[in-house]
Amino acid sequence: MEETEIKVGEPKTPLWRLFASFFKIGAFTFGGGWAMISIIEREIVDKYHWIERDDFLDLLAIAQSLPGILAVNIATAVGDKLRGTRGSIIASLGTILPSFLIILAIAIFLTPDMIKNNRVIAAIFMGIRPAVVALIIAPVLTSAKAAKLTWKTVWIPLVVALLISIDQGFISNPILYIILGACGGFLCWWIPRRKLNS
């Protein structure tokens, strides 16, 4: 007689679903990391409810701070949370594989001149550009709403974005603002507690 294991909470997410979701994210996203966020958020927060929206914002901040591809960083973290090491490997493979296969097909069947001089391909990419802009703006708005930005705090991202865009020196380095943001968040948490204890 087989022993039945009693599991508390929801059943484990199937690995094939994890792979399929991140394969779709990798296959249908153009424009890089920020353009991927809308699709990632829809899949893992809205559709499957794998993580909460507040957790997604924290995960997004960590994934942006770490080296490497944003989507792969998120896939690794979500896969690890749902299914451990195997889940992180499967989710990462799902994200990477579409790009690898598309680039492989282009390298085999198309030359740079064919891509550059082909009116159909040029028209397709001209149509994709405005969609990419929308895909980048959408997560900015949803992230701002979820982060509970008010008129008192909205100046922070605006000033940082302005400084990054207009200056070419050390001030335009995004790493500087990641460190300053982390230090500011720590101080906002630590100073009130120090006053209470003193």
Protein backbone atom coordinates (compact mmCIF):
# COMPACT_ATOMS: atom_id res chain seq x y z
CA MET A 1 0.00 0.00 0.00
CA GLU A 2 1.48 3.33 -1.08
CA GLU A 3 1.83 6.14 1.38
CA THR A 4 0.10 9.34 0.36
CA GLU A 5 1.92 12.53 1.19
CA ILE A 6 -0.35 15.24 2.56
CA LYS A 7 0.68 18.63 1.23
CA VAL A 8 -0.36 21.88 2.79
CA GLY A 9 -1.44 24.69 0.47
CA GLU A 10 -1.61 24.71 -3.30
CA PRO A 11 -0.15 21.90 -5.44
CA LYS A 12 3.25 22.42 -7.03
CA THR A 13 3.37 24.30 -10.31
CA PRO A 14 4.14 21.85 -13.15
CA LEU A 15 7.58 22.36 -14.66
CA TRP A 16 6.12 22.34 -18.18
CA ARG A 17 3.87 25.29 -17.30
CA LEU A 18 6.80 27.18 -15.85
CA PHE A 19 8.80 26.50 -19.01
CA ALA A 20 5.89 27.39 -21.33
CA SER A 21 5.20 30.70 -19.57
CA PHE A 22 8.77 31.91 -19.72
CA PHE A 23 9.19 30.56 -23.27
CA LYS A 24 6.26 32.79 -24.27
CA ILE A 25 7.84 35.74 -22.48
CA GLY A 26 11.13 35.17 -24.32
CA ALA A 27 9.49 34.59 -27.71
CA PHE A 28 7.09 37.54 -27.86
CA THR A 29 9.07 40.35 -26.30
CA PHE A 30 10.97 42.94 -28.31
CA GLY A 31 12.91 45.88 -26.98
CA GLY A 32 14.91 44.48 -24.09
CA GLY A 33 14.38 44.28 -20.33
CA TRP A 34 11.88 47.03 -19.62
CA ALA A 35 9.70 46.02 -22.55
CA MET A 36 9.49 42.53 -21.04
CA ILE A 37 8.15 43.67 -17.69
CA SER A 38 4.51 44.03 -18.82
CA ILE A 39 4.42 40.46 -20.15
CA ILE A 40 6.28 39.05 -17.15
CA GLU A 41 3.94 40.84 -14.73
CA ARG A 42 0.85 39.61 -16.58
CA GLU A 43 2.07 36.01 -16.57
CA ILE A 44 3.45 35.58 -13.07
CA VAL A 45 1.29 38.06 -11.11
CA ASP A 46 -2.06 38.43 -12.91
CA LYS A 47 -2.51 35.10 -14.69
CA TYR A 48 -0.93 32.45 -12.47
CA HIS A 49 -0.59 34.41 -9.17
CA TRP A 50 2.83 32.90 -8.53
CA ILE A 51 3.92 35.99 -6.59
CA GLU A 52 2.17 39.05 -5.15
CA ARG A 53 2.45 42.44 -6.85
CA ASP A 54 4.47 43.96 -3.99
CA ASP A 55 6.86 40.99 -4.13
CA PHE A 56 7.12 41.49 -7.89
CA LEU A 57 8.27 45.09 -7.36
CA ASP A 58 10.93 43.93 -4.90
CA LEU A 59 11.98 41.18 -7.30
CA LEU A 60 12.14 43.69 -10.14
CA ALA A 61 14.40 45.99 -8.12
CA ILE A 62 16.73 43.10 -7.26
CA ALA A 63 16.75 41.77 -10.84
CA GLN A 64 17.63 45.23 -12.19
CA SER A 65 20.41 45.63 -9.63
CA LEU A 66 22.06 42.30 -10.44
CA PRO A 67 24.26 41.75 -13.49
CA GLY A 68 22.77 39.83 -16.38
CA ILE A 69 19.53 39.82 -18.34
CA LEU A 70 16.49 41.14 -16.47
CA ALA A 71 14.10 38.44 -17.69
CA VAL A 72 16.54 35.63 -16.86
CA ASN A 73 17.12 37.04 -13.36
CA ILE A 74 13.37 37.16 -12.73
CA ALA A 75 12.85 33.71 -14.25
CA THR A 76 15.56 32.24 -12.03
CA ALA A 77 14.06 33.78 -8.88
CA VAL A 78 10.47 32.77 -9.69
CA GLY A 79 11.49 29.27 -10.73
CA ASP A 80 13.49 28.84 -7.52
CA LYS A 81 10.55 29.98 -5.41
CA LEU A 82 8.11 27.61 -7.10
CA ARG A 83 10.19 24.49 -7.72
CA GLY A 84 13.68 25.03 -6.32
CA THR A 85 16.81 24.51 -8.40
CA ARG A 86 15.03 22.54 -11.13
CA GLY A 87 12.42 25.28 -11.44
CA SER A 88 15.04 28.01 -11.77
CA ILE A 89 16.87 26.07 -14.50
CA ILE A 90 13.65 25.28 -16.41
CA ALA A 91 12.36 28.88 -16.19
CA SER A 92 15.73 30.31 -17.29
CA LEU A 93 15.92 27.89 -20.22
CA GLY A 94 12.40 28.87 -21.26
CA THR A 95 13.42 32.53 -21.34
CA ILE A 96 16.70 32.03 -23.22
CA LEU A 97 15.68 29.37 -25.74
CA PRO A 98 13.44 31.48 -28.06
CA SER A 99 16.13 34.12 -28.62
CA PHE A 100 18.75 31.43 -29.21
CA LEU A 101 16.57 29.64 -31.79
CA ILE A 102 15.59 32.87 -33.59
CA ILE A 103 19.19 34.09 -33.80
CA LEU A 104 20.31 30.64 -34.96
CA ALA A 105 17.68 30.66 -37.72
CA ILE A 106 18.69 34.18 -38.81
CA ALA A 107 22.37 33.18 -38.89
CA ILE A 108 21.59 30.12 -41.02
CA PHE A 109 19.05 31.53 -43.48
CA LEU A 110 19.62 35.32 -43.65
CA THR A 111 22.62 37.55 -44.33
CA PRO A 112 23.02 41.11 -42.96
CA ASP A 113 22.43 42.55 -46.46
CA MET A 114 19.18 40.59 -46.82
CA ILE A 115 17.89 41.97 -43.52
CA LYS A 116 19.03 45.54 -44.25
CA ASN A 117 17.60 45.73 -47.78
CA ASN A 118 14.41 43.76 -47.22
CA ARG A 119 11.44 46.17 -47.20
CA VAL A 120 9.13 43.68 -45.48
CA ILE A 121 11.50 43.16 -42.54
CA ALA A 122 12.18 46.92 -42.31
CA ALA A 123 8.41 47.61 -42.24
CA ILE A 124 7.88 44.98 -39.53
CA PHE A 125 10.51 46.56 -37.28
CA MET A 126 9.12 50.06 -37.93
CA GLY A 127 5.76 48.78 -36.68
CA ILE A 128 7.30 47.11 -33.64
CA ARG A 129 9.01 50.30 -32.40
CA PRO A 130 5.86 52.13 -31.17
CA ALA A 131 4.64 48.94 -29.50
CA VAL A 132 7.96 48.66 -27.65
CA VAL A 133 7.54 52.22 -26.33
CA ALA A 134 4.10 51.28 -24.98
CA LEU A 135 5.50 48.11 -23.42
CA ILE A 136 8.12 50.20 -21.62
CA ILE A 137 5.68 52.89 -20.41
CA ALA A 138 3.05 50.43 -19.12
CA PRO A 139 5.22 48.82 -16.38
CA VAL A 140 6.49 52.25 -15.32
CA LEU A 141 2.90 53.34 -14.60
CA THR A 142 1.87 50.10 -12.87
CA SER A 143 5.10 50.05 -10.83
CA ALA A 144 4.57 53.66 -9.75
CA LYS A 145 1.02 52.83 -8.66
CA ALA A 146 2.06 49.69 -6.78
CA ALA A 147 4.97 51.54 -5.13
CA LYS A 148 2.42 54.09 -3.81
CA LEU A 149 4.22 57.12 -5.22
CA THR A 150 2.69 60.42 -4.09
CA TRP A 151 3.34 64.05 -5.00
CA LYS A 152 5.86 64.08 -2.12
CA THR A 153 7.95 61.22 -3.55
CA VAL A 154 7.35 61.36 -7.33
CA TRP A 155 10.18 63.90 -7.69
CA ILE A 156 12.74 61.20 -6.83
CA PRO A 157 12.33 59.04 -9.97
CA LEU A 158 11.88 62.16 -12.13
CA VAL A 159 15.13 63.76 -10.91
CA VAL A 160 17.05 60.47 -11.22
CA ALA A 161 15.76 59.91 -14.77
CA LEU A 162 16.71 63.50 -15.69
CA LEU A 163 20.23 63.20 -14.26
CA ILE A 164 20.84 59.88 -16.00
CA SER A 165 19.68 61.25 -19.36
CA ILE A 166 21.43 64.65 -19.48
CA ASP A 167 24.85 63.97 -17.95
CA GLN A 168 27.58 61.73 -19.36
CA GLY A 169 29.85 61.59 -16.31
CA PHE A 170 29.74 59.78 -13.00
CA ILE A 171 26.38 61.36 -12.12
CA SER A 172 24.73 59.49 -15.02
CA ASN A 173 25.83 56.09 -13.68
CA PRO A 174 22.71 54.08 -12.68
CA ILE A 175 24.75 52.14 -10.09
CA LEU A 176 25.15 55.37 -8.10
CA TYR A 177 21.36 55.74 -7.76
CA ILE A 178 20.88 52.08 -6.85
CA ILE A 179 23.37 52.52 -3.99
CA LEU A 180 21.86 55.87 -2.94
CA GLY A 181 18.35 54.39 -3.02
CA ALA A 182 19.42 51.42 -0.89
CA CYS A 183 21.15 53.72 1.61
CA GLY A 184 18.14 56.08 1.72
CA GLY A 185 15.73 53.19 2.30
CA PHE A 186 17.92 51.83 5.09
CA LEU A 187 18.14 55.24 6.79
CA CYS A 188 14.35 55.73 6.57
CA TRP A 189 13.95 52.39 8.33
CA TRP A 190 16.79 52.77 10.85
CA ILE A 191 16.44 56.39 12.10
CA PRO A 192 12.88 56.07 13.52
CA ARG A 193 13.86 52.84 15.31
CA ARG A 194 16.94 54.47 16.77
CA LYS A 195 14.82 57.32 18.14
CA LEU A 196 12.40 54.84 19.70
CA ASN A 197 15.23 52.94 21.40
CA SER A 198 17.00 56.05 22.70
